[in-house]
Amino acid sequence: MGRRRLVPDGESYEIAFVADNPGIWMDHCHNLPHAAEGLVAHLMYEGVTTPFMIGGTAGNEPE
């Protein structure tokens, strides 16, 4: 397991990874209060879209 690092306010880190699974992905913190506060990242591949929409008749609203 990797070493845990905290990112102070206003600071950022660059990461590198192999992006070989096209889709629309949400990466998030597994500490749910952190995720609810916005500790998430949205990764999309160029040319990949989704038919899903927020809201509408499905009523799927973000927390």
PDB file of N, CA and C in Angstrom:
ATOM      1  N   MET A   1       0.847  -1.173   0.000  1.00  0.00           N
ATOM      2  CA  MET A   1       0.000   0.000   0.000  1.00  0.00           C
ATOM      3  C   MET A   1       0.892   1.236   0.000  1.00  0.00           C
ATOM      4  N   GLY A   2       0.493   2.248  -0.785  1.00  0.00           N
ATOM      5  CA  GLY A   2       1.275   3.471  -0.898  1.00  0.00           C
ATOM      6  C   GLY A   2       1.195   4.324   0.355  1.00  0.00           C
ATOM      7  N   ARG A   3       2.105   5.266   0.435  1.00  0.00           N
ATOM      8  CA  ARG A   3       2.127   6.183   1.566  1.00  0.00           C
ATOM      9  C   ARG A   3       1.015   7.214   1.420  1.00  0.00           C
ATOM     10  N   ARG A   4       0.292   7.462   2.482  1.00  0.00           N
ATOM     11  CA  ARG A   4      -0.811   8.431   2.468  1.00  0.00           C
ATOM     12  C   ARG A   4      -0.247   9.844   2.472  1.00  0.00           C
ATOM     13  N   ARG A   5      -0.782  10.709   1.600  1.00  0.00           N
ATOM     14  CA  ARG A   5      -0.348  12.096   1.540  1.00  0.00           C
ATOM     15  C   ARG A   5      -1.560  13.007   1.653  1.00  0.00           C
ATOM     16  N   LEU A   6      -1.415  14.069   2.403  1.00  0.00           N
ATOM     17  CA  LEU A   6      -2.457  15.070   2.512  1.00  0.00           C
ATOM     18  C   LEU A   6      -2.100  16.224   1.583  1.00  0.00           C
ATOM     19  N   VAL A   7      -3.090  16.772   0.900  1.00  0.00           N
ATOM     20  CA  VAL A   7      -2.884  17.905   0.007  1.00  0.00           C
ATOM     21  C   VAL A   7      -3.450  19.143   0.699  1.00  0.00           C
ATOM     22  N   PRO A   8      -2.572  20.061   1.102  1.00  0.00           N
ATOM     23  CA  PRO A   8      -3.055  21.273   1.780  1.00  0.00           C
ATOM     24  C   PRO A   8      -3.909  22.139   0.849  1.00  0.00           C
ATOM     25  N   ASP A   9      -4.755  22.997   1.442  1.00  0.00           N
ATOM     26  CA  ASP A   9      -5.574  23.930   0.665  1.00  0.00           C
ATOM     27  C   ASP A   9      -4.693  24.720  -0.290  1.00  0.00           C
ATOM     28  N   GLY A  10      -5.156  24.843  -1.534  1.00  0.00           N
ATOM     29  CA  GLY A  10      -4.443  25.634  -2.522  1.00  0.00           C
ATOM     30  C   GLY A  10      -3.272  24.933  -3.179  1.00  0.00           C
ATOM     31  N   GLU A  11      -2.972  23.718  -2.777  1.00  0.00           N
ATOM     32  CA  GLU A  11      -1.856  22.967  -3.345  1.00  0.00           C
ATOM     33  C   GLU A  11      -2.394  21.859  -4.237  1.00  0.00           C
ATOM     34  N   SER A  12      -1.618  21.452  -5.209  1.00  0.00           N
ATOM     35  CA  SER A  12      -2.063  20.372  -6.089  1.00  0.00           C
ATOM     36  C   SER A  12      -0.890  19.445  -6.402  1.00  0.00           C
ATOM     37  N   TYR A  13      -1.213  18.268  -6.872  1.00  0.00           N
ATOM     38  CA  TYR A  13      -0.223  17.290  -7.297  1.00  0.00           C
ATOM     39  C   TYR A  13      -0.576  16.822  -8.691  1.00  0.00           C
ATOM     40  N   GLU A  14       0.419  16.512  -9.478  1.00  0.00           N
ATOM     41  CA  GLU A  14       0.195  15.904 -10.783  1.00  0.00           C
ATOM     42  C   GLU A  14       0.421  14.411 -10.635  1.00  0.00           C
ATOM     43  N   ILE A  15      -0.458  13.632 -11.259  1.00  0.00           N
ATOM     44  CA  ILE A  15      -0.320  12.179 -11.205  1.00  0.00           C
ATOM     45  C   ILE A  15      -0.276  11.638 -12.624  1.00  0.00           C
ATOM     46  N   ALA A  16       0.337  10.481 -12.777  1.00  0.00           N
ATOM     47  CA  ALA A  16       0.392   9.805 -14.077  1.00  0.00           C
ATOM     48  C   ALA A  16      -0.222   8.424 -13.904  1.00  0.00           C
ATOM     49  N   PHE A  17      -0.988   8.001 -14.897  1.00  0.00           N
ATOM     50  CA  PHE A  17      -1.584   6.671 -14.854  1.00  0.00           C
ATOM     51  C   PHE A  17      -1.875   6.225 -16.271  1.00  0.00           C
ATOM     52  N   VAL A  18      -2.060   4.934 -16.452  1.00  0.00           N
ATOM     53  CA  VAL A  18      -2.393   4.379 -17.762  1.00  0.00           C
ATOM     54  C   VAL A  18      -3.904   4.494 -17.932  1.00  0.00           C
ATOM     55  N   ALA A  19      -4.333   5.260 -18.919  1.00  0.00           N
ATOM     56  CA  ALA A  19      -5.757   5.463 -19.194  1.00  0.00           C
ATOM     57  C   ALA A  19      -6.138   4.585 -20.382  1.00  0.00           C
ATOM     58  N   ASP A  20      -6.431   3.324 -20.089  1.00  0.00           N
ATOM     59  CA  ASP A  20      -6.696   2.376 -21.172  1.00  0.00           C
ATOM     60  C   ASP A  20      -8.064   1.700 -21.062  1.00  0.00           C
ATOM     61  N   ASN A  21      -9.015   2.374 -20.405  1.00  0.00           N
ATOM     62  CA  ASN A  21     -10.347   1.817 -20.252  1.00  0.00           C
ATOM     63  C   ASN A  21     -11.358   2.925 -20.564  1.00  0.00           C
ATOM     64  N   PRO A  22     -11.609   3.211 -21.862  1.00  0.00           N
ATOM     65  CA  PRO A  22     -12.454   4.338 -22.242  1.00  0.00           C
ATOM     66  C   PRO A  22     -13.815   4.319 -21.550  1.00  0.00           C
ATOM     67  N   GLY A  23     -14.227   5.489 -21.134  1.00  0.00           N
ATOM     68  CA  GLY A  23     -15.510   5.656 -20.466  1.00  0.00           C
ATOM     69  C   GLY A  23     -15.556   7.025 -19.827  1.00  0.00           C
ATOM     70  N   ILE A  24     -16.515   7.236 -18.977  1.00  0.00           N
ATOM     71  CA  ILE A  24     -16.617   8.462 -18.194  1.00  0.00           C
ATOM     72  C   ILE A  24     -16.547   8.015 -16.742  1.00  0.00           C
ATOM     73  N   TRP A  25     -15.507   8.428 -16.062  1.00  0.00           N
ATOM     74  CA  TRP A  25     -15.215   7.911 -14.733  1.00  0.00           C
ATOM     75  C   TRP A  25     -15.202   9.028 -13.703  1.00  0.00           C
ATOM     76  N   MET A  26     -15.698   8.720 -12.517  1.00  0.00           N
ATOM     77  CA  MET A  26     -15.585   9.634 -11.396  1.00  0.00           C
ATOM     78  C   MET A  26     -14.647   8.995 -10.389  1.00  0.00           C
ATOM     79  N   ASP A  27     -13.582   9.681 -10.065  1.00  0.00           N
ATOM     80  CA  ASP A  27     -12.660   9.226  -9.029  1.00  0.00           C
ATOM     81  C   ASP A  27     -12.991  10.024  -7.781  1.00  0.00           C
ATOM     82  N   HIS A  28     -13.024   9.347  -6.656  1.00  0.00           N
ATOM     83  CA  HIS A  28     -13.458  10.032  -5.444  1.00  0.00           C
ATOM     84  C   HIS A  28     -12.732   9.512  -4.234  1.00  0.00           C
ATOM     85  N   CYS A  29     -12.803  10.282  -3.189  1.00  0.00           N
ATOM     86  CA  CYS A  29     -12.262   9.899  -1.899  1.00  0.00           C
ATOM     87  C   CYS A  29     -13.237   8.912  -1.260  1.00  0.00           C
ATOM     88  N   HIS A  30     -12.728   7.854  -0.645  1.00  0.00           N
ATOM     89  CA  HIS A  30     -13.615   6.871  -0.007  1.00  0.00           C
ATOM     90  C   HIS A  30     -14.026   7.289   1.402  1.00  0.00           C
ATOM     91  N   ASN A  31     -13.594   8.445   1.840  1.00  0.00           N
ATOM     92  CA  ASN A  31     -14.090   9.032   3.077  1.00  0.00           C
ATOM     93  C   ASN A  31     -15.320   9.841   2.651  1.00  0.00           C
ATOM     94  N   LEU A  32     -16.521   9.326   2.889  1.00  0.00           N
ATOM     95  CA  LEU A  32     -17.735   9.914   2.335  1.00  0.00           C
ATOM     96  C   LEU A  32     -17.947  11.385   2.674  1.00  0.00           C
ATOM     97  N   PRO A  33     -17.622  11.859   3.879  1.00  0.00           N
ATOM     98  CA  PRO A  33     -17.753  13.300   4.113  1.00  0.00           C
ATOM     99  C   PRO A  33     -16.856  14.105   3.161  1.00  0.00           C
ATOM    100  N   HIS A  34     -15.676  13.596   2.850  1.00  0.00           N
ATOM    101  CA  HIS A  34     -14.798  14.292   1.902  1.00  0.00           C
ATOM    102  C   HIS A  34     -15.420  14.308   0.513  1.00  0.00           C
ATOM    103  N   ALA A  35     -15.961  13.190   0.067  1.00  0.00           N
ATOM    104  CA  ALA A  35     -16.597  13.129  -1.255  1.00  0.00           C
ATOM    105  C   ALA A  35     -17.774  14.094  -1.320  1.00  0.00           C
ATOM    106  N   ALA A  36     -18.558  14.170  -0.246  1.00  0.00           N
ATOM    107  CA  ALA A  36     -19.706  15.081  -0.215  1.00  0.00           C
ATOM    108  C   ALA A  36     -19.262  16.537  -0.276  1.00  0.00           C
ATOM    109  N   GLU A  37     -18.032  16.811   0.186  1.00  0.00           N
ATOM    110  CA  GLU A  37     -17.498  18.174   0.145  1.00  0.00           C
ATOM    111  C   GLU A  37     -16.848  18.497  -1.194  1.00  0.00           C
ATOM    112  N   GLY A  38     -16.847  17.541  -2.116  1.00  0.00           N
ATOM    113  CA  GLY A  38     -16.336  17.823  -3.458  1.00  0.00           C
ATOM    114  C   GLY A  38     -14.978  17.243  -3.780  1.00  0.00           C
ATOM    115  N   LEU A  39     -14.462  16.358  -2.958  1.00  0.00           N
ATOM    116  CA  LEU A  39     -13.155  15.760  -3.228  1.00  0.00           C
ATOM    117  C   LEU A  39     -13.326  14.658  -4.279  1.00  0.00           C
ATOM    118  N   VAL A  40     -13.580  15.080  -5.506  1.00  0.00           N
ATOM    119  CA  VAL A  40     -13.802  14.155  -6.617  1.00  0.00           C
ATOM    120  C   VAL A  40     -13.099  14.681  -7.860  1.00  0.00           C
ATOM    121  N   ALA A  41     -12.874  13.796  -8.799  1.00  0.00           N
ATOM    122  CA  ALA A  41     -12.318  14.168 -10.104  1.00  0.00           C
ATOM    123  C   ALA A  41     -13.136  13.466 -11.175  1.00  0.00           C
ATOM    124  N   HIS A  42     -13.284  14.115 -12.301  1.00  0.00           N
ATOM    125  CA  HIS A  42     -14.075  13.588 -13.411  1.00  0.00           C
ATOM    126  C   HIS A  42     -13.112  13.356 -14.565  1.00  0.00           C
ATOM    127  N   LEU A  43     -13.027  12.127 -15.045  1.00  0.00           N
ATOM    128  CA  LEU A  43     -12.126  11.762 -16.134  1.00  0.00           C
ATOM    129  C   LEU A  43     -12.951  11.329 -17.327  1.00  0.00           C
ATOM    130  N   MET A  44     -12.726  11.983 -18.463  1.00  0.00           N
ATOM    131  CA  MET A  44     -13.446  11.637 -19.692  1.00  0.00           C
ATOM    132  C   MET A  44     -12.446  11.418 -20.811  1.00  0.00           C
ATOM    133  N   TYR A  45     -12.798  10.564 -21.738  1.00  0.00           N
ATOM    134  CA  TYR A  45     -12.000  10.343 -22.939  1.00  0.00           C
ATOM    135  C   TYR A  45     -12.611  11.141 -24.083  1.00  0.00           C
ATOM    136  N   GLU A  46     -11.776  11.733 -24.904  1.00  0.00           N
ATOM    137  CA  GLU A  46     -12.252  12.481 -26.056  1.00  0.00           C
ATOM    138  C   GLU A  46     -13.067  11.557 -26.957  1.00  0.00           C
ATOM    139  N   GLY A  47     -14.251  12.012 -27.351  1.00  0.00           N
ATOM    140  CA  GLY A  47     -15.104  11.233 -28.239  1.00  0.00           C
ATOM    141  C   GLY A  47     -16.016  10.238 -27.542  1.00  0.00           C
ATOM    142  N   VAL A  48     -15.900  10.104 -26.211  1.00  0.00           N
ATOM    143  CA  VAL A  48     -16.764   9.187 -25.467  1.00  0.00           C
ATOM    144  C   VAL A  48     -17.870  10.006 -24.820  1.00  0.00           C
ATOM    145  N   THR A  49     -19.115   9.627 -25.038  1.00  0.00           N
ATOM    146  CA  THR A  49     -20.251  10.345 -24.468  1.00  0.00           C
ATOM    147  C   THR A  49     -21.143   9.372 -23.713  1.00  0.00           C
ATOM    148  N   THR A  50     -22.137   9.894 -23.049  1.00  0.00           N
ATOM    149  CA  THR A  50     -23.086   9.075 -22.307  1.00  0.00           C
ATOM    150  C   THR A  50     -24.504   9.566 -22.589  1.00  0.00           C
ATOM    151  N   PRO A  51     -25.468   8.653 -22.613  1.00  0.00           N
ATOM    152  CA  PRO A  51     -26.853   9.079 -22.784  1.00  0.00           C
ATOM    153  C   PRO A  51     -27.498   9.511 -21.467  1.00  0.00           C
ATOM    154  N   PHE A  52     -26.805   9.351 -20.351  1.00  0.00           N
ATOM    155  CA  PHE A  52     -27.378   9.640 -19.043  1.00  0.00           C
ATOM    156  C   PHE A  52     -27.309  11.123 -18.723  1.00  0.00           C
ATOM    157  N   MET A  53     -28.360  11.629 -18.089  1.00  0.00           N
ATOM    158  CA  MET A  53     -28.455  13.037 -17.728  1.00  0.00           C
ATOM    159  C   MET A  53     -28.777  13.160 -16.241  1.00  0.00           C
ATOM    160  N   ILE A  54     -28.349  14.258 -15.632  1.00  0.00           N
ATOM    161  CA  ILE A  54     -28.698  14.528 -14.233  1.00  0.00           C
ATOM    162  C   ILE A  54     -30.122  15.081 -14.209  1.00  0.00           C
ATOM    163  N   GLY A  55     -30.926  14.584 -13.275  1.00  0.00           N
ATOM    164  CA  GLY A  55     -32.297  15.070 -13.112  1.00  0.00           C
ATOM    165  C   GLY A  55     -33.236  14.421 -14.106  1.00  0.00           C
ATOM    166  N   GLY A  56     -34.156  15.207 -14.640  1.00  0.00           N
ATOM    167  CA  GLY A  56     -35.121  14.677 -15.580  1.00  0.00           C
ATOM    168  C   GLY A  56     -36.099  13.723 -14.929  1.00  0.00           C
ATOM    169  N   THR A  57     -36.715  12.856 -15.709  1.00  0.00           N
ATOM    170  CA  THR A  57     -37.725  11.954 -15.176  1.00  0.00           C
ATOM    171  C   THR A  57     -37.148  10.877 -14.281  1.00  0.00           C
ATOM    172  N   ALA A  58     -35.850  10.590 -14.409  1.00  0.00           N
ATOM    173  CA  ALA A  58     -35.223   9.569 -13.563  1.00  0.00           C
ATOM    174  C   ALA A  58     -35.041  10.056 -12.124  1.00  0.00           C
ATOM    175  N   GLY A  59     -34.961  11.378 -11.954  1.00  0.00           N
ATOM    176  CA  GLY A  59     -34.816  11.940 -10.614  1.00  0.00           C
ATOM    177  C   GLY A  59     -33.457  11.690 -10.003  1.00  0.00           C
ATOM    178  N   ASN A  60     -32.447  11.414 -10.825  1.00  0.00           N
ATOM    179  CA  ASN A  60     -31.112  11.152 -10.273  1.00  0.00           C
ATOM    180  C   ASN A  60     -30.377  12.471 -10.049  1.00  0.00           C
ATOM    181  N   GLU A  61     -30.339  12.910  -8.821  1.00  0.00           N
ATOM    182  CA  GLU A  61     -29.715  14.164  -8.444  1.00  0.00           C
ATOM    183  C   GLU A  61     -28.457  13.876  -7.638  1.00  0.00           C
ATOM    184  N   PRO A  62     -27.363  14.618  -7.884  1.00  0.00           N
ATOM    185  CA  PRO A  62     -26.152  14.428  -7.090  1.00  0.00           C
ATOM    186  C   PRO A  62     -26.419  14.752  -5.623  1.00  0.00           C
ATOM    187  N   GLU A  63     -25.668  14.112  -4.756  1.00  0.00           N
ATOM    188  CA  GLU A  63     -25.835  14.373  -3.314  1.00  0.00           C
ATOM    189  C   GLU A  63     -25.328  15.728  -2.947  1.00  0.00           C
TER     190      GLU A  63
END
